[in-house]
Amino acid sequence: ARRPLTWRQLTVADSRSNLGRHEAVGFRVQVGQEQWL
């Protein structure tokens, strides 16, 4: 509850091209030293 946190929307690539948010999305969540994808 008191650990620093952040989250970010990530770039998703397909055949070396970045996809739009209507095609696929990725997110990273970090709380303290723990991270999720």
Full PDB file with SEQRES, HELIX, SHEET, SSBOND, CRYST1, ORIGX, SCALE, CONECT and MASTER records, all heavy atoms in Angstrom:
SEQRES   1 A   37  ALA ARG ARG PRO LEU THR TRP ARG GLN LEU THR VAL ALA          
SEQRES   2 A   37  ASP SER ARG SER ASN LEU GLY ARG HIS GLU ALA VAL GLY          
SEQRES   3 A   37  PHE ARG VAL GLN VAL GLY GLN GLU GLN TRP LEU                  
SHEET    1 AA1 3 LEU A   5  LEU A  10  0                                        
SHEET    2 AA1 3 GLY A  26  VAL A  31 -1                                        
SHEET    3 AA1 3 GLU A  34  TRP A  36 -1                                        
SHEET    1 AA2 2 ALA A  13  ASP A  14  0                                        
SHEET    2 AA2 2 SER A  17  ASN A  18 -1                                        
CRYST1    1.000    1.000    1.000  90.00  90.00  90.00 P 1           1          
ORIGX1      1.000000  0.000000  0.000000        0.00000                         
ORIGX2      0.000000  1.000000  0.000000        0.00000                         
ORIGX3      0.000000  0.000000  1.000000        0.00000                         
SCALE1      1.000000  0.000000  0.000000        0.00000                         
SCALE2      0.000000  1.000000  0.000000        0.00000                         
SCALE3      0.000000  0.000000  1.000000        0.00000                         
ATOM      1  N   ALA A   1       0.806  -1.225   0.000  1.00  0.00           N  
ATOM      2  CA  ALA A   1       0.000   0.000   0.000  1.00  0.00           C  
ATOM      3  C   ALA A   1       0.837   1.272   0.000  1.00  0.00           C  
ATOM      4  O   ALA A   1       0.393   2.296  -0.524  1.00  0.00           O  
ATOM      5  CB  ALA A   1      -0.952  -0.007   1.200  1.00  0.00           C  
ATOM      6  N   ARG A   2       2.027   1.232   0.562  1.00  0.00           N  
ATOM      7  CA  ARG A   2       2.835   2.443   0.663  1.00  0.00           C  
ATOM      8  C   ARG A   2       4.053   2.428  -0.263  1.00  0.00           C  
ATOM      9  O   ARG A   2       4.884   3.346  -0.205  1.00  0.00           O  
ATOM     10  CB  ARG A   2       3.291   2.653   2.116  1.00  0.00           C  
ATOM     11  CG  ARG A   2       2.128   2.876   3.074  1.00  0.00           C  
ATOM     12  CD  ARG A   2       2.623   3.205   4.459  1.00  0.00           C  
ATOM     13  NE  ARG A   2       1.507   3.419   5.380  1.00  0.00           N  
ATOM     14  CZ  ARG A   2       0.865   4.566   5.530  1.00  0.00           C  
ATOM     15  NH1 ARG A   2       1.237   5.612   4.809  1.00  0.00           N  
ATOM     16  NH2 ARG A   2      -0.125   4.689   6.389  1.00  0.00           N  
ATOM     17  N   ARG A   3       4.168   1.407  -1.077  1.00  0.00           N  
ATOM     18  CA  ARG A   3       5.320   1.334  -1.971  1.00  0.00           C  
ATOM     19  C   ARG A   3       5.088   2.203  -3.207  1.00  0.00           C  
ATOM     20  O   ARG A   3       3.948   2.344  -3.666  1.00  0.00           O  
ATOM     21  CB  ARG A   3       5.581  -0.108  -2.383  1.00  0.00           C  
ATOM     22  CG  ARG A   3       5.956  -1.014  -1.219  1.00  0.00           C  
ATOM     23  CD  ARG A   3       6.130  -2.449  -1.653  1.00  0.00           C  
ATOM     24  NE  ARG A   3       6.319  -3.333  -0.498  1.00  0.00           N  
ATOM     25  CZ  ARG A   3       6.362  -4.654  -0.572  1.00  0.00           C  
ATOM     26  NH1 ARG A   3       6.226  -5.251  -1.750  1.00  0.00           N  
ATOM     27  NH2 ARG A   3       6.531  -5.378   0.520  1.00  0.00           N  
ATOM     28  N   PRO A   4       6.149   2.800  -3.752  1.00  0.00           N  
ATOM     29  CA  PRO A   4       5.981   3.604  -4.967  1.00  0.00           C  
ATOM     30  C   PRO A   4       5.495   2.747  -6.125  1.00  0.00           C  
ATOM     31  O   PRO A   4       5.867   1.570  -6.235  1.00  0.00           O  
ATOM     32  CB  PRO A   4       7.389   4.156  -5.227  1.00  0.00           C  
ATOM     33  CG  PRO A   4       8.311   3.227  -4.492  1.00  0.00           C  
ATOM     34  CD  PRO A   4       7.548   2.740  -3.306  1.00  0.00           C  
ATOM     35  N   LEU A   5       4.664   3.331  -6.978  1.00  0.00           N  
ATOM     36  CA  LEU A   5       4.141   2.567  -8.110  1.00  0.00           C  
ATOM     37  C   LEU A   5       4.128   3.425  -9.358  1.00  0.00           C  
ATOM     38  O   LEU A   5       4.192   4.656  -9.309  1.00  0.00           O  
ATOM     39  CB  LEU A   5       2.746   2.018  -7.817  1.00  0.00           C  
ATOM     40  CG  LEU A   5       1.547   2.965  -7.650  1.00  0.00           C  
ATOM     41  CD1 LEU A   5       1.035   3.503  -8.977  1.00  0.00           C  
ATOM     42  CD2 LEU A   5       0.415   2.247  -6.935  1.00  0.00           C  
ATOM     43  N   THR A   6       4.008   2.748 -10.482  1.00  0.00           N  
ATOM     44  CA  THR A   6       3.843   3.413 -11.767  1.00  0.00           C  
ATOM     45  C   THR A   6       3.219   2.429 -12.738  1.00  0.00           C  
ATOM     46  O   THR A   6       3.267   1.212 -12.529  1.00  0.00           O  
ATOM     47  CB  THR A   6       5.201   3.924 -12.319  1.00  0.00           C  
ATOM     48  OG1 THR A   6       4.977   4.710 -13.492  1.00  0.00           O  
ATOM     49  CG2 THR A   6       6.118   2.770 -12.669  1.00  0.00           C  
ATOM     50  N   TRP A   7       2.586   2.937 -13.773  1.00  0.00           N  
ATOM     51  CA  TRP A   7       2.107   2.074 -14.854  1.00  0.00           C  
ATOM     52  C   TRP A   7       2.283   2.804 -16.179  1.00  0.00           C  
ATOM     53  O   TRP A   7       2.275   4.027 -16.230  1.00  0.00           O  
ATOM     54  CB  TRP A   7       0.655   1.643 -14.642  1.00  0.00           C  
ATOM     55  CG  TRP A   7      -0.393   2.686 -14.874  1.00  0.00           C  
ATOM     56  CD1 TRP A   7      -1.048   2.953 -16.044  1.00  0.00           C  
ATOM     57  CD2 TRP A   7      -0.945   3.592 -13.909  1.00  0.00           C  
ATOM     58  NE1 TRP A   7      -1.957   3.975 -15.868  1.00  0.00           N  
ATOM     59  CE2 TRP A   7      -1.924   4.383 -14.569  1.00  0.00           C  
ATOM     60  CE3 TRP A   7      -0.699   3.819 -12.539  1.00  0.00           C  
ATOM     61  CZ2 TRP A   7      -2.647   5.371 -13.913  1.00  0.00           C  
ATOM     62  CZ3 TRP A   7      -1.421   4.806 -11.898  1.00  0.00           C  
ATOM     63  CH2 TRP A   7      -2.376   5.563 -12.580  1.00  0.00           C  
ATOM     64  N   ARG A   8       2.456   2.026 -17.235  1.00  0.00           N  
ATOM     65  CA  ARG A   8       2.680   2.577 -18.558  1.00  0.00           C  
ATOM     66  C   ARG A   8       1.973   1.729 -19.609  1.00  0.00           C  
ATOM     67  O   ARG A   8       1.903   0.503 -19.482  1.00  0.00           O  
ATOM     68  CB  ARG A   8       4.177   2.608 -18.904  1.00  0.00           C  
ATOM     69  CG  ARG A   8       4.996   3.587 -18.073  1.00  0.00           C  
ATOM     70  CD  ARG A   8       4.669   5.025 -18.443  1.00  0.00           C  
ATOM     71  NE  ARG A   8       5.514   5.964 -17.713  1.00  0.00           N  
ATOM     72  CZ  ARG A   8       5.235   6.449 -16.519  1.00  0.00           C  
ATOM     73  NH1 ARG A   8       4.125   6.070 -15.886  1.00  0.00           N  
ATOM     74  NH2 ARG A   8       6.044   7.305 -15.934  1.00  0.00           N  
ATOM     75  N   GLN A   9       1.451   2.390 -20.636  1.00  0.00           N  
ATOM     76  CA  GLN A   9       0.967   1.670 -21.805  1.00  0.00           C  
ATOM     77  C   GLN A   9       2.156   1.436 -22.726  1.00  0.00           C  
ATOM     78  O   GLN A   9       2.959   2.339 -22.973  1.00  0.00           O  
ATOM     79  CB  GLN A   9      -0.123   2.449 -22.523  1.00  0.00           C  
ATOM     80  CG  GLN A   9      -0.705   1.673 -23.710  1.00  0.00           C  
ATOM     81  CD  GLN A   9      -2.136   2.057 -24.003  1.00  0.00           C  
ATOM     82  OE1 GLN A   9      -2.763   2.764 -23.242  1.00  0.00           O  
ATOM     83  NE2 GLN A   9      -2.646   1.578 -25.106  1.00  0.00           N  
ATOM     84  N   LEU A  10       2.287   0.216 -23.236  1.00  0.00           N  
ATOM     85  CA  LEU A  10       3.450  -0.201 -24.002  1.00  0.00           C  
ATOM     86  C   LEU A  10       3.148  -0.247 -25.495  1.00  0.00           C  
ATOM     87  O   LEU A  10       1.987  -0.358 -25.911  1.00  0.00           O  
ATOM     88  CB  LEU A  10       3.906  -1.591 -23.542  1.00  0.00           C  
ATOM     89  CG  LEU A  10       4.204  -1.738 -22.052  1.00  0.00           C  
ATOM     90  CD1 LEU A  10       4.447  -3.204 -21.707  1.00  0.00           C  
ATOM     91  CD2 LEU A  10       5.398  -0.888 -21.642  1.00  0.00           C  
ATOM     92  N   THR A  11       4.198  -0.196 -26.281  1.00  0.00           N  
ATOM     93  CA  THR A  11       4.081  -0.358 -27.721  1.00  0.00           C  
ATOM     94  C   THR A  11       4.030  -1.844 -28.063  1.00  0.00           C  
ATOM     95  O   THR A  11       4.846  -2.627 -27.566  1.00  0.00           O  
ATOM     96  CB  THR A  11       5.273   0.293 -28.442  1.00  0.00           C  
ATOM     97  OG1 THR A  11       5.276   1.688 -28.160  1.00  0.00           O  
ATOM     98  CG2 THR A  11       5.188   0.078 -29.946  1.00  0.00           C  
ATOM     99  N   VAL A  12       3.067  -2.236 -28.877  1.00  0.00           N  
ATOM    100  CA  VAL A  12       2.959  -3.607 -29.373  1.00  0.00           C  
ATOM    101  C   VAL A  12       3.328  -3.600 -30.850  1.00  0.00           C  
ATOM    102  O   VAL A  12       2.800  -2.786 -31.619  1.00  0.00           O  
ATOM    103  CB  VAL A  12       1.533  -4.170 -29.183  1.00  0.00           C  
ATOM    104  CG1 VAL A  12       1.461  -5.605 -29.693  1.00  0.00           C  
ATOM    105  CG2 VAL A  12       1.122  -4.099 -27.707  1.00  0.00           C  
ATOM    106  N   ALA A  13       4.226  -4.481 -31.230  1.00  0.00           N  
ATOM    107  CA  ALA A  13       4.719  -4.514 -32.608  1.00  0.00           C  
ATOM    108  C   ALA A  13       4.328  -5.816 -33.289  1.00  0.00           C  
ATOM    109  O   ALA A  13       4.263  -6.875 -32.665  1.00  0.00           O  
ATOM    110  CB  ALA A  13       6.235  -4.346 -32.637  1.00  0.00           C  
ATOM    111  N   ASP A  14       4.063  -5.712 -34.585  1.00  0.00           N  
ATOM    112  CA  ASP A  14       3.716  -6.865 -35.426  1.00  0.00           C  
ATOM    113  C   ASP A  14       4.448  -6.690 -36.750  1.00  0.00           C  
ATOM    114  O   ASP A  14       4.216  -5.706 -37.460  1.00  0.00           O  
ATOM    115  CB  ASP A  14       2.199  -6.911 -35.649  1.00  0.00           C  
ATOM    116  CG  ASP A  14       1.759  -8.156 -36.407  1.00  0.00           C  
ATOM    117  OD1 ASP A  14       2.584  -8.775 -37.092  1.00  0.00           O  
ATOM    118  OD2 ASP A  14       0.570  -8.507 -36.308  1.00  0.00           O  
ATOM    119  N   SER A  15       5.354  -7.627 -37.048  1.00  0.00           N  
ATOM    120  CA  SER A  15       6.147  -7.552 -38.284  1.00  0.00           C  
ATOM    121  C   SER A  15       6.850  -6.194 -38.411  1.00  0.00           C  
ATOM    122  O   SER A  15       6.798  -5.534 -39.446  1.00  0.00           O  
ATOM    123  CB  SER A  15       5.260  -7.805 -39.507  1.00  0.00           C  
ATOM    124  OG  SER A  15       4.652  -9.073 -39.427  1.00  0.00           O  
ATOM    125  N   ARG A  16       7.454  -5.779 -37.302  1.00  0.00           N  
ATOM    126  CA  ARG A  16       8.251  -4.550 -37.219  1.00  0.00           C  
ATOM    127  C   ARG A  16       7.436  -3.270 -37.413  1.00  0.00           C  
ATOM    128  O   ARG A  16       7.982  -2.205 -37.672  1.00  0.00           O  
ATOM    129  CB  ARG A  16       9.407  -4.593 -38.232  1.00  0.00           C  
ATOM    130  CG  ARG A  16      10.429  -5.674 -37.914  1.00  0.00           C  
ATOM    131  CD  ARG A  16      11.522  -5.707 -38.954  1.00  0.00           C  
ATOM    132  NE  ARG A  16      11.007  -6.127 -40.251  1.00  0.00           N  
ATOM    133  CZ  ARG A  16      11.771  -6.269 -41.343  1.00  0.00           C  
ATOM    134  NH1 ARG A  16      13.059  -5.987 -41.288  1.00  0.00           N  
ATOM    135  NH2 ARG A  16      11.241  -6.672 -42.472  1.00  0.00           N  
ATOM    136  N   SER A  17       6.119  -3.380 -37.268  1.00  0.00           N  
ATOM    137  CA  SER A  17       5.253  -2.205 -37.336  1.00  0.00           C  
ATOM    138  C   SER A  17       4.508  -2.057 -36.020  1.00  0.00           C  
ATOM    139  O   SER A  17       4.014  -3.048 -35.456  1.00  0.00           O  
ATOM    140  CB  SER A  17       4.242  -2.326 -38.486  1.00  0.00           C  
ATOM    141  OG  SER A  17       4.906  -2.367 -39.731  1.00  0.00           O  
ATOM    142  N   ASN A  18       4.426  -0.827 -35.508  1.00  0.00           N  
ATOM    143  CA  ASN A  18       3.686  -0.568 -34.279  1.00  0.00           C  
ATOM    144  C   ASN A  18       2.192  -0.620 -34.543  1.00  0.00           C  
ATOM    145  O   ASN A  18       1.712  -0.079 -35.545  1.00  0.00           O  
ATOM    146  CB  ASN A  18       4.067   0.793 -33.702  1.00  0.00           C  
ATOM    147  CG  ASN A  18       5.511   0.846 -33.245  1.00  0.00           C  
ATOM    148  OD1 ASN A  18       6.147  -0.195 -33.034  1.00  0.00           O  
ATOM    149  ND2 ASN A  18       6.038   2.045 -33.094  1.00  0.00           N  
ATOM    150  N   LEU A  19       1.470  -1.258 -33.639  1.00  0.00           N  
ATOM    151  CA  LEU A  19       0.030  -1.433 -33.805  1.00  0.00           C  
ATOM    152  C   LEU A  19      -0.743  -0.307 -33.131  1.00  0.00           C  
ATOM    153  O   LEU A  19      -0.275   0.313 -32.172  1.00  0.00           O  
ATOM    154  CB  LEU A  19      -0.411  -2.773 -33.208  1.00  0.00           C  
ATOM    155  CG  LEU A  19       0.200  -4.029 -33.838  1.00  0.00           C  
ATOM    156  CD1 LEU A  19      -0.324  -5.273 -33.128  1.00  0.00           C  
ATOM    157  CD2 LEU A  19      -0.102  -4.097 -35.323  1.00  0.00           C  
ATOM    158  N   GLY A  20      -1.963  -0.066 -33.617  1.00  0.00           N  
ATOM    159  CA  GLY A  20      -2.868   0.884 -33.002  1.00  0.00           C  
ATOM    160  C   GLY A  20      -3.538   0.267 -31.793  1.00  0.00           C  
ATOM    161  O   GLY A  20      -3.595  -0.956 -31.633  1.00  0.00           O  
ATOM    162  N   ARG A  21      -4.106   1.134 -30.944  1.00  0.00           N  
ATOM    163  CA  ARG A  21      -4.744   0.642 -29.727  1.00  0.00           C  
ATOM    164  C   ARG A  21      -6.012  -0.150 -30.019  1.00  0.00           C  
ATOM    165  O   ARG A  21      -6.511  -0.842 -29.121  1.00  0.00           O  
ATOM    166  CB  ARG A  21      -5.062   1.818 -28.807  1.00  0.00           C  
ATOM    167  CG  ARG A  21      -3.820   2.533 -28.284  1.00  0.00           C  
ATOM    168  CD  ARG A  21      -4.180   3.631 -27.320  1.00  0.00           C  
ATOM    169  NE  ARG A  21      -3.000   4.332 -26.839  1.00  0.00           N  
ATOM    170  CZ  ARG A  21      -3.028   5.314 -25.953  1.00  0.00           C  
ATOM    171  NH1 ARG A  21      -4.195   5.709 -25.449  1.00  0.00           N  
ATOM    172  NH2 ARG A  21      -1.911   5.909 -25.570  1.00  0.00           N  
ATOM    173  N   HIS A  22      -6.549  -0.043 -31.221  1.00  0.00           N  
ATOM    174  CA  HIS A  22      -7.731  -0.838 -31.566  1.00  0.00           C  
ATOM    175  C   HIS A  22      -7.334  -2.238 -32.047  1.00  0.00           C  
ATOM    176  O   HIS A  22      -8.218  -3.059 -32.328  1.00  0.00           O  
ATOM    177  CB  HIS A  22      -8.545  -0.136 -32.656  1.00  0.00           C  
ATOM    178  CG  HIS A  22      -7.830  -0.015 -33.963  1.00  0.00           C  
ATOM    179  ND1 HIS A  22      -6.777   0.840 -34.157  1.00  0.00           N  
ATOM    180  CD2 HIS A  22      -8.013  -0.653 -35.150  1.00  0.00           C  
ATOM    181  CE1 HIS A  22      -6.336   0.742 -35.400  1.00  0.00           C  
ATOM    182  NE2 HIS A  22      -7.077  -0.163 -36.021  1.00  0.00           N  
ATOM    183  N   GLU A  23      -6.024  -2.516 -32.136  1.00  0.00           N  
ATOM    184  CA  GLU A  23      -5.545  -3.830 -32.579  1.00  0.00           C  
ATOM    185  C   GLU A  23      -5.009  -4.671 -31.420  1.00  0.00           C  
ATOM    186  O   GLU A  23      -5.333  -5.853 -31.286  1.00  0.00           O  
ATOM    187  CB  GLU A  23      -4.458  -3.646 -33.638  1.00  0.00           C  
ATOM    188  CG  GLU A  23      -4.966  -2.965 -34.901  1.00  0.00           C  
ATOM    189  CD  GLU A  23      -3.849  -2.609 -35.855  1.00  0.00           C  
ATOM    190  OE1 GLU A  23      -2.960  -1.814 -35.466  1.00  0.00           O  
ATOM    191  OE2 GLU A  23      -3.850  -3.127 -36.992  1.00  0.00           O  
ATOM    192  N   ALA A  24      -4.177  -4.072 -30.576  1.00  0.00           N  
ATOM    193  CA  ALA A  24      -3.625  -4.777 -29.418  1.00  0.00           C  
ATOM    194  C   ALA A  24      -3.058  -3.750 -28.455  1.00  0.00           C  
ATOM    195  O   ALA A  24      -2.610  -2.671 -28.861  1.00  0.00           O  
ATOM    196  CB  ALA A  24      -2.535  -5.761 -29.835  1.00  0.00           C  
ATOM    197  N   VAL A  25      -3.074  -4.091 -27.162  1.00  0.00           N  
ATOM    198  CA  VAL A  25      -2.546  -3.190 -26.148  1.00  0.00           C  
ATOM    199  C   VAL A  25      -1.665  -3.979 -25.187  1.00  0.00           C  
ATOM    200  O   VAL A  25      -1.850  -5.178 -24.969  1.00  0.00           O  
ATOM    201  CB  VAL A  25      -3.667  -2.472 -25.356  1.00  0.00           C  
ATOM    202  CG1 VAL A  25      -4.448  -1.519 -26.249  1.00  0.00           C  
ATOM    203  CG2 VAL A  25      -4.603  -3.485 -24.712  1.00  0.00           C  
ATOM    204  N   GLY A  26      -0.705  -3.279 -24.596  1.00  0.00           N  
ATOM    205  CA  GLY A  26       0.143  -3.860 -23.568  1.00  0.00           C  
ATOM    206  C   GLY A  26       0.351  -2.848 -22.455  1.00  0.00           C  
ATOM    207  O   GLY A  26       0.374  -1.629 -22.696  1.00  0.00           O  
ATOM    208  N   PHE A  27       0.510  -3.339 -21.229  1.00  0.00           N  
ATOM    209  CA  PHE A  27       0.682  -2.461 -20.074  1.00  0.00           C  
ATOM    210  C   PHE A  27       1.735  -3.047 -19.141  1.00  0.00           C  
ATOM    211  O   PHE A  27       1.848  -4.272 -18.999  1.00  0.00           O  
ATOM    212  CB  PHE A  27      -0.632  -2.302 -19.289  1.00  0.00           C  
ATOM    213  CG  PHE A  27      -1.807  -1.894 -20.123  1.00  0.00           C  
ATOM    214  CD1 PHE A  27      -2.693  -2.837 -20.608  1.00  0.00           C  
ATOM    215  CD2 PHE A  27      -2.018  -0.561 -20.439  1.00  0.00           C  
ATOM    216  CE1 PHE A  27      -3.785  -2.470 -21.374  1.00  0.00           C  
ATOM    217  CE2 PHE A  27      -3.104  -0.179 -21.215  1.00  0.00           C  
ATOM    218  CZ  PHE A  27      -3.984  -1.138 -21.682  1.00  0.00           C  
ATOM    219  N   ARG A  28       2.487  -2.162 -18.506  1.00  0.00           N  
ATOM    220  CA  ARG A  28       3.426  -2.554 -17.460  1.00  0.00           C  
ATOM    221  C   ARG A  28       2.991  -1.894 -16.160  1.00  0.00           C  
ATOM    222  O   ARG A  28       2.735  -0.689 -16.120  1.00  0.00           O  
ATOM    223  CB  ARG A  28       4.852  -2.124 -17.802  1.00  0.00           C  
ATOM    224  CG  ARG A  28       5.877  -2.450 -16.706  1.00  0.00           C  
ATOM    225  CD  ARG A  28       7.276  -2.038 -17.116  1.00  0.00           C  
ATOM    226  NE  ARG A  28       7.426  -0.603 -17.213  1.00  0.00           N  
ATOM    227  CZ  ARG A  28       7.779   0.196 -16.203  1.00  0.00           C  
ATOM    228  NH1 ARG A  28       7.981  -0.327 -14.993  1.00  0.00           N  
ATOM    229  NH2 ARG A  28       7.909   1.491 -16.379  1.00  0.00           N  
ATOM    230  N   VAL A  29       2.913  -2.689 -15.095  1.00  0.00           N  
ATOM    231  CA  VAL A  29       2.581  -2.190 -13.758  1.00  0.00           C  
ATOM    232  C   VAL A  29       3.757  -2.497 -12.843  1.00  0.00           C  
ATOM    233  O   VAL A  29       4.242  -3.634 -12.806  1.00  0.00           O  
ATOM    234  CB  VAL A  29       1.307  -2.857 -13.202  1.00  0.00           C  
ATOM    235  CG1 VAL A  29       1.007  -2.364 -11.792  1.00  0.00           C  
ATOM    236  CG2 VAL A  29       0.118  -2.597 -14.119  1.00  0.00           C  
ATOM    237  N   GLN A  30       4.222  -1.497 -12.097  1.00  0.00           N  
ATOM    238  CA  GLN A  30       5.314  -1.694 -11.155  1.00  0.00           C  
ATOM    239  C   GLN A  30       4.928  -1.132  -9.803  1.00  0.00           C  
ATOM    240  O   GLN A  30       4.496   0.013  -9.681  1.00  0.00           O  
ATOM    241  CB  GLN A  30       6.597  -1.018 -11.632  1.00  0.00           C  
ATOM    242  CG  GLN A  30       7.770  -1.207 -10.669  1.00  0.00           C  
ATOM    243  CD  GLN A  30       9.080  -0.665 -11.209  1.00  0.00           C  
ATOM    244  OE1 GLN A  30       9.144  -0.138 -12.313  1.00  0.00           O  
ATOM    245  NE2 GLN A  30      10.143  -0.792 -10.423  1.00  0.00           N  
ATOM    246  N   VAL A  31       5.079  -1.962  -8.759  1.00  0.00           N  
ATOM    247  CA  VAL A  31       4.869  -1.550  -7.375  1.00  0.00           C  
ATOM    248  C   VAL A  31       6.107  -1.972  -6.592  1.00  0.00           C  
ATOM    249  O   VAL A  31       6.362  -3.168  -6.449  1.00  0.00           O  
ATOM    250  CB  VAL A  31       3.607  -2.174  -6.765  1.00  0.00           C  
ATOM    251  CG1 VAL A  31       3.381  -1.633  -5.360  1.00  0.00           C  
ATOM    252  CG2 VAL A  31       2.390  -1.936  -7.635  1.00  0.00           C  
ATOM    253  N   GLY A  32       6.866  -1.002  -6.101  1.00  0.00           N  
ATOM    254  CA  GLY A  32       8.135  -1.341  -5.475  1.00  0.00           C  
ATOM    255  C   GLY A  32       9.040  -2.034  -6.480  1.00  0.00           C  
ATOM    256  O   GLY A  32       9.260  -1.538  -7.588  1.00  0.00           O  
ATOM    257  N   GLN A  33       9.540  -3.197  -6.121  1.00  0.00           N  
ATOM    258  CA  GLN A  33      10.397  -3.971  -7.014  1.00  0.00           C  
ATOM    259  C   GLN A  33       9.630  -5.004  -7.833  1.00  0.00           C  
ATOM    260  O   GLN A  33      10.217  -5.708  -8.652  1.00  0.00           O  
ATOM    261  CB  GLN A  33      11.489  -4.691  -6.200  1.00  0.00           C  
ATOM    262  CG  GLN A  33      12.421  -3.743  -5.464  1.00  0.00           C  
ATOM    263  CD  GLN A  33      13.146  -2.799  -6.405  1.00  0.00           C  
ATOM    264  OE1 GLN A  33      13.715  -3.230  -7.412  1.00  0.00           O  
ATOM    265  NE2 GLN A  33      13.121  -1.504  -6.081  1.00  0.00           N  
ATOM    266  N   GLU A  34       8.329  -5.104  -7.625  1.00  0.00           N  
ATOM    267  CA  GLU A  34       7.514  -6.089  -8.350  1.00  0.00           C  
ATOM    268  C   GLU A  34       6.956  -5.468  -9.624  1.00  0.00           C  
ATOM    269  O   GLU A  34       6.484  -4.327  -9.612  1.00  0.00           O  
ATOM    270  CB  GLU A  34       6.369  -6.584  -7.469  1.00  0.00           C  
ATOM    271  CG  GLU A  34       6.818  -7.290  -6.206  1.00  0.00           C  
ATOM    272  CD  GLU A  34       5.636  -7.738  -5.375  1.00  0.00           C  
ATOM    273  OE1 GLU A  34       5.080  -8.808  -5.652  1.00  0.00           O  
ATOM    274  OE2 GLU A  34       5.268  -6.996  -4.437  1.00  0.00           O  
ATOM    275  N   GLN A  35       6.997  -6.238 -10.707  1.00  0.00           N  
ATOM    276  CA  GLN A  35       6.500  -5.750 -11.992  1.00  0.00           C  
ATOM    277  C   GLN A  35       5.669  -6.832 -12.676  1.00  0.00           C  
ATOM    278  O   GLN A  35       5.961  -8.021 -12.574  1.00  0.00           O  
ATOM    279  CB  GLN A  35       7.652  -5.353 -12.916  1.00  0.00           C  
ATOM    280  CG  GLN A  35       8.475  -4.187 -12.437  1.00  0.00           C  
ATOM    281  CD  GLN A  35       9.423  -3.683 -13.495  1.00  0.00           C  
ATOM    282  OE1 GLN A  35       9.003  -3.126 -14.517  1.00  0.00           O  
ATOM    283  NE2 GLN A  35      10.705  -3.870 -13.274  1.00  0.00           N  
ATOM    284  N   TRP A  36       4.633  -6.364 -13.396  1.00  0.00           N  
ATOM    285  CA  TRP A  36       3.765  -7.260 -14.146  1.00  0.00           C  
ATOM    286  C   TRP A  36       3.607  -6.741 -15.575  1.00  0.00           C  
ATOM    287  O   TRP A  36       3.660  -5.530 -15.831  1.00  0.00           O  
ATOM    288  CB  TRP A  36       2.377  -7.348 -13.509  1.00  0.00           C  
ATOM    289  CG  TRP A  36       2.340  -7.989 -12.169  1.00  0.00           C  
ATOM    290  CD1 TRP A  36       2.118  -9.298 -11.862  1.00  0.00           C  
ATOM    291  CD2 TRP A  36       2.521  -7.328 -10.903  1.00  0.00           C  
ATOM    292  NE1 TRP A  36       2.149  -9.488 -10.516  1.00  0.00           N  
ATOM    293  CE2 TRP A  36       2.402  -8.303  -9.897  1.00  0.00           C  
ATOM    294  CE3 TRP A  36       2.785  -6.000 -10.533  1.00  0.00           C  
ATOM    295  CZ2 TRP A  36       2.525  -8.004  -8.543  1.00  0.00           C  
ATOM    296  CZ3 TRP A  36       2.920  -5.691  -9.187  1.00  0.00           C  
ATOM    297  CH2 TRP A  36       2.786  -6.686  -8.208  1.00  0.00           C  
ATOM    298  N   LEU A  37       3.356  -7.673 -16.483  1.00  0.00           N  
ATOM    299  CA  LEU A  37       3.038  -7.347 -17.875  1.00  0.00           C  
ATOM    300  C   LEU A  37       1.633  -7.837 -18.177  1.00  0.00           C  
ATOM    301  O   LEU A  37       1.267  -8.971 -17.841  1.00  0.00           O  
ATOM    302  CB  LEU A  37       4.026  -8.034 -18.827  1.00  0.00           C  
ATOM    303  CG  LEU A  37       3.696  -7.953 -20.323  1.00  0.00           C  
ATOM    304  CD1 LEU A  37       3.810  -6.519 -20.830  1.00  0.00           C  
ATOM    305  CD2 LEU A  37       4.605  -8.885 -21.130  1.00  0.00           C  
TER     306      LEU A  37                                                      
MASTER        0    0    0    0    5    0    0    6  305    1    0    3          
END                                                                             
